[in-house]
Amino acid sequence: MEQQYRPGGFKMLPPIIKNLLIINGLFFLGYATLEKSMGIDLNALLGMHYIGAEDFRPYQLITYLFMHHDFSHILFNMFALWMFGNTLENIWGPKRFLIYYFVTGVGAVLIHAVVLYFEMSPILSAIDEYIASPSNQAFIDFMQSSNFQIVSIESQNHYMSFYKEYNNLLTSNPSAALRNSIEFMQQYRIDYMNAPTIVGASGAVFGILLAFGMMFPNSVIYLYFAIPIKTKYFVIIYGAIELYTGFANEAGDNVAHFAHLGGMIFGFILIKLWNNKKTNKWIS
């Protein structure tokens, strides 16, 4: 028998969901306010950086979950958190739901970090090889190859200006040009490692979506409030799309698709562990 899923109203919000919504809203307000009034980028401070980068801090494994890029980003995540997490917390209780939320959130970013390591390693190796054995020709080859990437819009003009000055200096003083190129590559390595920053509760939200799909596989939800689909199919389709998009990444959309999958993977593992310990009787 199919069930149509309708989340309870806000007056029925359990405590963890309510507090997560409030905390995320406050962090987003702080991000928007400080950036506009003082030029302080909270996403750069609290978002998750590449492990090993100068800007990485261990607390970012948690704080990244409370930061979002823009209003649509936080709106989607908080709506999904309320819609699916509301029922989960009422069934599990606050403690178990909070554990699940942070395990999937941290697991998501760890999966993303592993994928990022394999993506960035070839370029970092090329940079290290140049610094170990520099030459002007090797520098020109690097700058003209796909290994050189603009790490941010702000840095683009700086990079292009340096390369122009380098070419001028190369004619008059090759030794000085070489020294400058080494300094440039050392700084570029730092900038390249600092550039990737992941923010948002999406990894944990995808973990919650998976759990809801496992608990209520035949419940019906409405895509765009119009198209009915069973949750088990919705979860499978959404996971397949994230997997495909993560590998294809043709659009360069700056979305951490593997982090979304990581939230699902860690959620699945945690639920199976709970089932094996027979502490949860409601999952078939």
C-alpha atoms as a PDB file:
ATOM      1  CA  MET A   1       0.000   0.000   0.000  1.00  0.00           C
ATOM      2  CA  GLU A   2       1.424   3.350  -1.038  1.00  0.00           C
ATOM      3  CA  GLN A   3       1.688   6.210   1.371  1.00  0.00           C
ATOM      4  CA  GLN A   4       1.784   9.858   0.514  1.00  0.00           C
ATOM      5  CA  TYR A   5       4.415  11.558   2.613  1.00  0.00           C
ATOM      6  CA  ARG A   6       3.544  14.933   4.068  1.00  0.00           C
ATOM      7  CA  PRO A   7       5.949  16.402   6.620  1.00  0.00           C
ATOM      8  CA  GLY A   8       4.560  17.818   9.799  1.00  0.00           C
ATOM      9  CA  GLY A   9       4.283  21.534  10.311  1.00  0.00           C
ATOM     10  CA  PHE A  10       6.950  23.687  11.939  1.00  0.00           C
ATOM     11  CA  LYS A  11       5.099  23.603  15.264  1.00  0.00           C
ATOM     12  CA  MET A  12       5.931  19.883  15.358  1.00  0.00           C
ATOM     13  CA  LEU A  13       9.665  20.422  14.810  1.00  0.00           C
ATOM     14  CA  PRO A  14      11.793  18.139  16.999  1.00  0.00           C
ATOM     15  CA  PRO A  15      14.638  19.877  18.880  1.00  0.00           C
ATOM     16  CA  ILE A  16      17.653  18.913  16.744  1.00  0.00           C
ATOM     17  CA  ILE A  17      15.973  19.862  13.475  1.00  0.00           C
ATOM     18  CA  LYS A  18      14.800  23.139  14.974  1.00  0.00           C
ATOM     19  CA  ASN A  19      18.238  24.021  16.308  1.00  0.00           C
ATOM     20  CA  LEU A  20      19.993  23.026  13.080  1.00  0.00           C
ATOM     21  CA  LEU A  21      17.675  25.299  11.118  1.00  0.00           C
ATOM     22  CA  ILE A  22      18.329  28.170  13.524  1.00  0.00           C
ATOM     23  CA  ILE A  23      22.115  27.683  13.602  1.00  0.00           C
ATOM     24  CA  ASN A  24      22.377  27.428   9.823  1.00  0.00           C
ATOM     25  CA  GLY A  25      20.263  30.544   9.455  1.00  0.00           C
ATOM     26  CA  LEU A  26      22.439  32.482  11.918  1.00  0.00           C
ATOM     27  CA  PHE A  27      25.661  31.400  10.215  1.00  0.00           C
ATOM     28  CA  PHE A  28      24.301  32.414   6.820  1.00  0.00           C
ATOM     29  CA  LEU A  29      23.211  35.776   8.199  1.00  0.00           C
ATOM     30  CA  GLY A  30      26.667  36.259   9.718  1.00  0.00           C
ATOM     31  CA  TYR A  31      28.327  35.309   6.426  1.00  0.00           C
ATOM     32  CA  ALA A  32      26.221  37.740   4.401  1.00  0.00           C
ATOM     33  CA  THR A  33      26.570  40.565   6.935  1.00  0.00           C
ATOM     34  CA  LEU A  34      30.302  40.334   7.602  1.00  0.00           C
ATOM     35  CA  GLU A  35      31.187  39.986   3.933  1.00  0.00           C
ATOM     36  CA  LYS A  36      29.186  43.045   2.989  1.00  0.00           C
ATOM     37  CA  SER A  37      30.101  45.284   5.934  1.00  0.00           C
ATOM     38  CA  MET A  38      33.663  44.239   6.790  1.00  0.00           C
ATOM     39  CA  GLY A  39      34.898  42.174   3.852  1.00  0.00           C
ATOM     40  CA  ILE A  40      35.299  39.097   6.063  1.00  0.00           C
ATOM     41  CA  ASP A  41      34.596  35.854   4.215  1.00  0.00           C
ATOM     42  CA  LEU A  42      33.300  33.348   6.766  1.00  0.00           C
ATOM     43  CA  ASN A  43      33.103  30.679   4.081  1.00  0.00           C
ATOM     44  CA  ALA A  44      36.863  30.958   3.587  1.00  0.00           C
ATOM     45  CA  LEU A  45      37.423  30.648   7.343  1.00  0.00           C
ATOM     46  CA  LEU A  46      34.870  27.966   8.203  1.00  0.00           C
ATOM     47  CA  GLY A  47      34.491  26.131   4.887  1.00  0.00           C
ATOM     48  CA  MET A  48      36.420  22.897   4.383  1.00  0.00           C
ATOM     49  CA  HIS A  49      39.774  23.374   2.656  1.00  0.00           C
ATOM     50  CA  TYR A  50      42.017  20.789   1.064  1.00  0.00           C
ATOM     51  CA  ILE A  51      43.700  18.765   3.801  1.00  0.00           C
ATOM     52  CA  GLY A  52      47.328  19.885   3.821  1.00  0.00           C
ATOM     53  CA  ALA A  53      46.594  23.419   2.614  1.00  0.00           C
ATOM     54  CA  GLU A  54      47.732  26.342   4.733  1.00  0.00           C
ATOM     55  CA  ASP A  55      44.123  27.437   5.234  1.00  0.00           C
ATOM     56  CA  PHE A  56      42.951  24.009   6.448  1.00  0.00           C
ATOM     57  CA  ARG A  57      41.904  23.714  10.086  1.00  0.00           C
ATOM     58  CA  PRO A  58      40.547  20.520  11.716  1.00  0.00           C
ATOM     59  CA  TYR A  59      37.404  22.277  12.952  1.00  0.00           C
ATOM     60  CA  GLN A  60      36.395  22.848   9.313  1.00  0.00           C
ATOM     61  CA  LEU A  61      35.339  19.184   9.179  1.00  0.00           C
ATOM     62  CA  ILE A  62      32.337  20.306  11.244  1.00  0.00           C
ATOM     63  CA  THR A  63      31.915  24.015  10.557  1.00  0.00           C
ATOM     64  CA  TYR A  64      31.632  23.572   6.788  1.00  0.00           C
ATOM     65  CA  LEU A  65      28.212  21.994   7.407  1.00  0.00           C
ATOM     66  CA  PHE A  66      26.818  25.325   8.626  1.00  0.00           C
ATOM     67  CA  MET A  67      28.074  27.515   5.783  1.00  0.00           C
ATOM     68  CA  HIS A  68      26.335  28.103   2.434  1.00  0.00           C
ATOM     69  CA  HIS A  69      27.155  30.008  -0.752  1.00  0.00           C
ATOM     70  CA  ASP A  70      23.867  31.816  -1.303  1.00  0.00           C
ATOM     71  CA  PHE A  71      20.211  31.914  -0.344  1.00  0.00           C
ATOM     72  CA  SER A  72      19.092  29.236  -2.796  1.00  0.00           C
ATOM     73  CA  HIS A  73      21.803  26.899  -1.480  1.00  0.00           C
ATOM     74  CA  ILE A  74      20.704  27.174   2.147  1.00  0.00           C
ATOM     75  CA  LEU A  75      17.000  27.205   1.222  1.00  0.00           C
ATOM     76  CA  PHE A  76      17.224  23.862  -0.608  1.00  0.00           C
ATOM     77  CA  ASN A  77      19.293  22.206   2.120  1.00  0.00           C
ATOM     78  CA  MET A  78      17.150  23.437   4.995  1.00  0.00           C
ATOM     79  CA  PHE A  79      13.926  22.541   3.224  1.00  0.00           C
ATOM     80  CA  ALA A  80      15.176  18.988   2.623  1.00  0.00           C
ATOM     81  CA  LEU A  81      16.485  18.772   6.202  1.00  0.00           C
ATOM     82  CA  TRP A  82      13.051  19.732   7.530  1.00  0.00           C
ATOM     83  CA  MET A  83      11.093  17.627   5.059  1.00  0.00           C
ATOM     84  CA  PHE A  84      12.937  14.333   5.608  1.00  0.00           C
ATOM     85  CA  GLY A  85      14.794  14.863   8.879  1.00  0.00           C
ATOM     86  CA  ASN A  86      11.661  15.750  10.815  1.00  0.00           C
ATOM     87  CA  THR A  87      10.316  12.203  10.616  1.00  0.00           C
ATOM     88  CA  LEU A  88      13.718  10.591  11.214  1.00  0.00           C
ATOM     89  CA  GLU A  89      14.340  12.477  14.443  1.00  0.00           C
ATOM     90  CA  ASN A  90      10.845  11.696  15.722  1.00  0.00           C
ATOM     91  CA  ILE A  91      11.533   7.987  15.168  1.00  0.00           C
ATOM     92  CA  TRP A  92      15.187   7.798  16.178  1.00  0.00           C
ATOM     93  CA  GLY A  93      15.224  10.397  18.906  1.00  0.00           C
ATOM     94  CA  PRO A  94      17.490  13.481  19.140  1.00  0.00           C
ATOM     95  CA  LYS A  95      20.727  11.695  20.128  1.00  0.00           C
ATOM     96  CA  ARG A  96      20.725   9.124  17.344  1.00  0.00           C
ATOM     97  CA  PHE A  97      19.629  11.640  14.741  1.00  0.00           C
ATOM     98  CA  LEU A  98      22.421  14.058  15.751  1.00  0.00           C
ATOM     99  CA  ILE A  99      25.007  11.266  15.550  1.00  0.00           C
ATOM    100  CA  TYR A 100      23.731  10.280  12.125  1.00  0.00           C
ATOM    101  CA  TYR A 101      23.757  13.888  10.909  1.00  0.00           C
ATOM    102  CA  PHE A 102      27.375  14.516  11.845  1.00  0.00           C
ATOM    103  CA  VAL A 103      28.663  11.088  10.787  1.00  0.00           C
ATOM    104  CA  THR A 104      27.198  11.551   7.312  1.00  0.00           C
ATOM    105  CA  GLY A 105      28.340  15.176   7.186  1.00  0.00           C
ATOM    106  CA  VAL A 106      31.936  14.386   8.139  1.00  0.00           C
ATOM    107  CA  GLY A 107      31.928  11.246   5.993  1.00  0.00           C
ATOM    108  CA  ALA A 108      30.762  13.268   3.005  1.00  0.00           C
ATOM    109  CA  VAL A 109      33.626  15.729   3.241  1.00  0.00           C
ATOM    110  CA  LEU A 110      36.182  12.958   3.775  1.00  0.00           C
ATOM    111  CA  ILE A 111      35.043  11.266   0.564  1.00  0.00           C
ATOM    112  CA  HIS A 112      35.313  14.626  -1.174  1.00  0.00           C
ATOM    113  CA  ALA A 113      38.826  15.089   0.234  1.00  0.00           C
ATOM    114  CA  VAL A 114      39.951  11.721  -1.148  1.00  0.00           C
ATOM    115  CA  VAL A 115      38.568  12.527  -4.604  1.00  0.00           C
ATOM    116  CA  LEU A 116      40.165  15.979  -4.469  1.00  0.00           C
ATOM    117  CA  TYR A 117      43.522  14.426  -3.580  1.00  0.00           C
ATOM    118  CA  PHE A 118      43.539  12.310  -6.741  1.00  0.00           C
ATOM    119  CA  GLU A 119      42.392  15.264  -8.847  1.00  0.00           C
ATOM    120  CA  MET A 120      45.040  17.650  -7.524  1.00  0.00           C
ATOM    121  CA  SER A 121      48.016  15.298  -7.122  1.00  0.00           C
ATOM    122  CA  PRO A 122      49.185  15.419 -10.786  1.00  0.00           C
ATOM    123  CA  ILE A 123      49.357  19.213 -10.774  1.00  0.00           C
ATOM    124  CA  LEU A 124      51.019  19.363  -7.362  1.00  0.00           C
ATOM    125  CA  SER A 125      53.573  16.833  -8.569  1.00  0.00           C
ATOM    126  CA  ALA A 126      54.269  18.951 -11.666  1.00  0.00           C
ATOM    127  CA  ILE A 127      54.776  22.020  -9.471  1.00  0.00           C
ATOM    128  CA  ASP A 128      57.136  20.142  -7.131  1.00  0.00           C
ATOM    129  CA  GLU A 129      59.113  18.775 -10.066  1.00  0.00           C
ATOM    130  CA  TYR A 130      59.600  22.276 -11.416  1.00  0.00           C
ATOM    131  CA  ILE A 131      60.694  23.703  -8.058  1.00  0.00           C
ATOM    132  CA  ALA A 132      63.176  20.821  -7.676  1.00  0.00           C
ATOM    133  CA  SER A 133      64.593  21.300 -11.187  1.00  0.00           C
ATOM    134  CA  PRO A 134      63.693  24.758 -12.524  1.00  0.00           C
ATOM    135  CA  SER A 135      64.427  26.201 -15.936  1.00  0.00           C
ATOM    136  CA  ASN A 136      62.925  29.028 -17.928  1.00  0.00           C
ATOM    137  CA  GLN A 137      61.764  26.705 -20.669  1.00  0.00           C
ATOM    138  CA  ALA A 138      60.119  24.374 -18.147  1.00  0.00           C
ATOM    139  CA  PHE A 139      58.318  27.344 -16.614  1.00  0.00           C
ATOM    140  CA  ILE A 140      57.012  28.511 -19.995  1.00  0.00           C
ATOM    141  CA  ASP A 141      55.857  24.966 -20.764  1.00  0.00           C
ATOM    142  CA  PHE A 142      54.036  24.773 -17.449  1.00  0.00           C
ATOM    143  CA  MET A 143      52.294  28.118 -17.891  1.00  0.00           C
ATOM    144  CA  GLN A 144      51.096  27.095 -21.342  1.00  0.00           C
ATOM    145  CA  SER A 145      49.902  23.646 -20.252  1.00  0.00           C
ATOM    146  CA  SER A 146      46.658  22.483 -18.648  1.00  0.00           C
ATOM    147  CA  ASN A 147      48.549  22.165 -15.348  1.00  0.00           C
ATOM    148  CA  PHE A 148      48.313  25.919 -14.925  1.00  0.00           C
ATOM    149  CA  GLN A 149      44.846  26.894 -13.743  1.00  0.00           C
ATOM    150  CA  ILE A 150      43.373  30.184 -12.603  1.00  0.00           C
ATOM    151  CA  VAL A 151      42.553  29.409  -8.976  1.00  0.00           C
ATOM    152  CA  SER A 152      40.262  32.408  -8.505  1.00  0.00           C
ATOM    153  CA  ILE A 153      38.857  35.367 -10.398  1.00  0.00           C
ATOM    154  CA  GLU A 154      40.806  37.704  -8.116  1.00  0.00           C
ATOM    155  CA  SER A 155      44.112  36.037  -9.013  1.00  0.00           C
ATOM    156  CA  GLN A 156      43.627  36.058 -12.783  1.00  0.00           C
ATOM    157  CA  ASN A 157      44.904  39.582 -13.368  1.00  0.00           C
ATOM    158  CA  HIS A 158      47.837  38.988 -11.026  1.00  0.00           C
ATOM    159  CA  TYR A 159      48.904  35.838 -12.875  1.00  0.00           C
ATOM    160  CA  MET A 160      48.624  37.427 -16.290  1.00  0.00           C
ATOM    161  CA  SER A 161      50.495  40.530 -15.144  1.00  0.00           C
ATOM    162  CA  PHE A 162      53.304  38.423 -13.699  1.00  0.00           C
ATOM    163  CA  TYR A 163      53.639  36.332 -16.850  1.00  0.00           C
ATOM    164  CA  LYS A 164      53.879  39.480 -18.977  1.00  0.00           C
ATOM    165  CA  GLU A 165      56.596  40.918 -16.721  1.00  0.00           C
ATOM    166  CA  TYR A 166      58.370  37.572 -16.713  1.00  0.00           C
ATOM    167  CA  ASN A 167      58.531  37.489 -20.517  1.00  0.00           C
ATOM    168  CA  ASN A 168      59.979  41.008 -20.583  1.00  0.00           C
ATOM    169  CA  LEU A 169      62.580  40.112 -17.944  1.00  0.00           C
ATOM    170  CA  LEU A 170      63.443  36.869 -19.719  1.00  0.00           C
ATOM    171  CA  THR A 171      65.045  38.816 -22.561  1.00  0.00           C
ATOM    172  CA  SER A 172      67.138  41.169 -20.433  1.00  0.00           C
ATOM    173  CA  ASN A 173      67.961  39.036 -17.369  1.00  0.00           C
ATOM    174  CA  PRO A 174      67.246  35.288 -17.658  1.00  0.00           C
ATOM    175  CA  SER A 175      68.682  34.539 -14.197  1.00  0.00           C
ATOM    176  CA  ALA A 176      66.388  37.048 -12.499  1.00  0.00           C
ATOM    177  CA  ALA A 177      63.470  35.697 -14.526  1.00  0.00           C
ATOM    178  CA  LEU A 178      64.240  32.196 -13.294  1.00  0.00           C
ATOM    179  CA  ARG A 179      64.366  33.320  -9.667  1.00  0.00           C
ATOM    180  CA  ASN A 180      61.032  35.070 -10.060  1.00  0.00           C
ATOM    181  CA  SER A 181      59.516  31.994 -11.646  1.00  0.00           C
ATOM    182  CA  ILE A 182      60.554  29.836  -8.682  1.00  0.00           C
ATOM    183  CA  GLU A 183      59.000  32.303  -6.226  1.00  0.00           C
ATOM    184  CA  PHE A 184      55.878  32.400  -8.364  1.00  0.00           C
ATOM    185  CA  MET A 185      55.568  28.611  -8.400  1.00  0.00           C
ATOM    186  CA  GLN A 186      56.045  28.384  -4.641  1.00  0.00           C
ATOM    187  CA  GLN A 187      53.232  30.873  -4.093  1.00  0.00           C
ATOM    188  CA  TYR A 188      51.101  29.289  -6.808  1.00  0.00           C
ATOM    189  CA  ARG A 189      51.366  25.935  -5.004  1.00  0.00           C
ATOM    190  CA  ILE A 190      50.014  27.555  -1.833  1.00  0.00           C
ATOM    191  CA  ASP A 191      47.203  29.305  -3.715  1.00  0.00           C
ATOM    192  CA  TYR A 192      46.283  26.147  -5.620  1.00  0.00           C
ATOM    193  CA  MET A 193      45.973  24.101  -2.424  1.00  0.00           C
ATOM    194  CA  ASN A 194      43.997  26.811  -0.632  1.00  0.00           C
ATOM    195  CA  ALA A 195      41.533  27.376  -3.471  1.00  0.00           C
ATOM    196  CA  PRO A 196      39.113  24.417  -3.128  1.00  0.00           C
ATOM    197  CA  THR A 197      36.563  25.161  -0.422  1.00  0.00           C
ATOM    198  CA  ILE A 198      33.461  23.094   0.267  1.00  0.00           C
ATOM    199  CA  VAL A 199      30.504  24.475   2.201  1.00  0.00           C
ATOM    200  CA  GLY A 200      26.966  23.344   2.870  1.00  0.00           C
ATOM    201  CA  ALA A 201      24.927  20.690   4.635  1.00  0.00           C
ATOM    202  CA  SER A 202      24.255  18.772   1.413  1.00  0.00           C
ATOM    203  CA  GLY A 203      26.322  15.725   2.386  1.00  0.00           C
ATOM    204  CA  ALA A 204      24.356  15.232   5.602  1.00  0.00           C
ATOM    205  CA  VAL A 205      21.095  16.008   3.806  1.00  0.00           C
ATOM    206  CA  PHE A 206      21.797  13.304   1.223  1.00  0.00           C
ATOM    207  CA  GLY A 207      22.497  10.910   4.083  1.00  0.00           C
ATOM    208  CA  ILE A 208      19.111  11.827   5.571  1.00  0.00           C
ATOM    209  CA  LEU A 209      17.455  11.301   2.203  1.00  0.00           C
ATOM    210  CA  LEU A 210      18.963   7.819   1.981  1.00  0.00           C
ATOM    211  CA  ALA A 211      17.767   6.924   5.494  1.00  0.00           C
ATOM    212  CA  PHE A 212      14.272   8.127   4.709  1.00  0.00           C
ATOM    213  CA  GLY A 213      14.256   6.065   1.528  1.00  0.00           C
ATOM    214  CA  MET A 214      15.309   2.967   3.461  1.00  0.00           C
ATOM    215  CA  MET A 215      12.661   3.505   6.119  1.00  0.00           C
ATOM    216  CA  PHE A 216       9.794   4.462   3.820  1.00  0.00           C
ATOM    217  CA  PRO A 217      10.694   2.977   0.433  1.00  0.00           C
ATOM    218  CA  ASN A 218       7.119   2.998  -0.856  1.00  0.00           C
ATOM    219  CA  SER A 219       6.129   6.421   0.397  1.00  0.00           C
ATOM    220  CA  VAL A 220       5.268   8.876  -2.354  1.00  0.00           C
ATOM    221  CA  ILE A 221       6.843  12.310  -2.632  1.00  0.00           C
ATOM    222  CA  TYR A 222       6.091  14.917  -5.256  1.00  0.00           C
ATOM    223  CA  LEU A 223       8.859  16.341  -7.411  1.00  0.00           C
ATOM    224  CA  TYR A 224       8.233  20.020  -8.033  1.00  0.00           C
ATOM    225  CA  PHE A 225       5.011  19.494  -6.037  1.00  0.00           C
ATOM    226  CA  ALA A 226       3.467  17.764  -9.069  1.00  0.00           C
ATOM    227  CA  ILE A 227       5.256  14.547 -10.126  1.00  0.00           C
ATOM    228  CA  PRO A 228       4.642  11.554  -7.800  1.00  0.00           C
ATOM    229  CA  ILE A 229       7.528   9.154  -7.236  1.00  0.00           C
ATOM    230  CA  LYS A 230       8.274   6.515  -4.612  1.00  0.00           C
ATOM    231  CA  THR A 231      11.142   7.464  -2.309  1.00  0.00           C
ATOM    232  CA  LYS A 232      13.159   4.333  -3.114  1.00  0.00           C
ATOM    233  CA  TYR A 233      13.227   5.268  -6.801  1.00  0.00           C
ATOM    234  CA  PHE A 234      13.910   8.897  -6.013  1.00  0.00           C
ATOM    235  CA  VAL A 235      16.947   7.966  -3.912  1.00  0.00           C
ATOM    236  CA  ILE A 236      18.290   5.550  -6.552  1.00  0.00           C
ATOM    237  CA  ILE A 237      17.838   8.018  -9.401  1.00  0.00           C
ATOM    238  CA  TYR A 238      19.317  10.908  -7.446  1.00  0.00           C
ATOM    239  CA  GLY A 239      22.325   8.800  -6.398  1.00  0.00           C
ATOM    240  CA  ALA A 240      22.913   7.659  -9.988  1.00  0.00           C
ATOM    241  CA  ILE A 241      22.763  11.253 -11.230  1.00  0.00           C
ATOM    242  CA  GLU A 242      25.296  12.369  -8.621  1.00  0.00           C
ATOM    243  CA  LEU A 243      27.623   9.491  -9.517  1.00  0.00           C
ATOM    244  CA  TYR A 244      27.449  10.249 -13.230  1.00  0.00           C
ATOM    245  CA  THR A 245      27.825  13.987 -12.748  1.00  0.00           C
ATOM    246  CA  GLY A 246      30.726  13.500 -10.360  1.00  0.00           C
ATOM    247  CA  PHE A 247      32.702  11.515 -12.931  1.00  0.00           C
ATOM    248  CA  ALA A 248      31.628  13.552 -15.948  1.00  0.00           C
ATOM    249  CA  ASN A 249      31.819  17.001 -14.354  1.00  0.00           C
ATOM    250  CA  GLU A 250      31.454  18.395 -17.838  1.00  0.00           C
ATOM    251  CA  ALA A 251      29.703  21.536 -16.714  1.00  0.00           C
ATOM    252  CA  GLY A 252      32.332  22.475 -14.150  1.00  0.00           C
ATOM    253  CA  ASP A 253      29.490  23.418 -11.842  1.00  0.00           C
ATOM    254  CA  ASN A 254      31.605  23.586  -8.651  1.00  0.00           C
ATOM    255  CA  VAL A 255      29.193  21.185  -6.932  1.00  0.00           C
ATOM    256  CA  ALA A 256      30.756  18.550  -4.667  1.00  0.00           C
ATOM    257  CA  HIS A 257      28.872  15.600  -6.165  1.00  0.00           C
ATOM    258  CA  PHE A 258      31.103  13.006  -4.514  1.00  0.00           C
ATOM    259  CA  ALA A 259      30.439  14.611  -1.136  1.00  0.00           C
ATOM    260  CA  HIS A 260      26.729  13.995  -1.721  1.00  0.00           C
ATOM    261  CA  LEU A 261      27.490  10.366  -2.495  1.00  0.00           C
ATOM    262  CA  GLY A 262      29.765  10.234   0.547  1.00  0.00           C
ATOM    263  CA  GLY A 263      26.876  11.251   2.779  1.00  0.00           C
ATOM    264  CA  MET A 264      24.794   8.424   1.335  1.00  0.00           C
ATOM    265  CA  ILE A 265      27.617   5.887   1.668  1.00  0.00           C
ATOM    266  CA  PHE A 266      28.364   6.711   5.300  1.00  0.00           C
ATOM    267  CA  GLY A 267      24.652   6.804   6.079  1.00  0.00           C
ATOM    268  CA  PHE A 268      24.163   3.358   4.575  1.00  0.00           C
ATOM    269  CA  ILE A 269      27.126   1.945   6.522  1.00  0.00           C
ATOM    270  CA  LEU A 270      25.946   3.455   9.813  1.00  0.00           C
ATOM    271  CA  ILE A 271      22.401   2.143   9.384  1.00  0.00           C
ATOM    272  CA  LYS A 272      23.740  -1.337   8.593  1.00  0.00           C
ATOM    273  CA  LEU A 273      25.924  -1.223  11.705  1.00  0.00           C
ATOM    274  CA  TRP A 274      22.927  -0.253  13.815  1.00  0.00           C
ATOM    275  CA  ASN A 275      20.916  -3.071  12.241  1.00  0.00           C
ATOM    276  CA  ASN A 276      23.654  -5.610  12.918  1.00  0.00           C
ATOM    277  CA  LYS A 277      23.647  -4.634  16.576  1.00  0.00           C
ATOM    278  CA  LYS A 278      19.869  -5.064  16.560  1.00  0.00           C
ATOM    279  CA  THR A 279      19.367  -1.670  18.145  1.00  0.00           C
ATOM    280  CA  ASN A 280      16.937  -0.583  15.470  1.00  0.00           C
ATOM    281  CA  LYS A 281      13.885  -2.743  14.822  1.00  0.00           C
ATOM    282  CA  TRP A 282      12.155  -0.640  12.191  1.00  0.00           C
ATOM    283  CA  ILE A 283      14.528  -1.122   9.237  1.00  0.00           C
ATOM    284  CA  SER A 284      13.794  -4.207   7.148  1.00  0.00           C
END
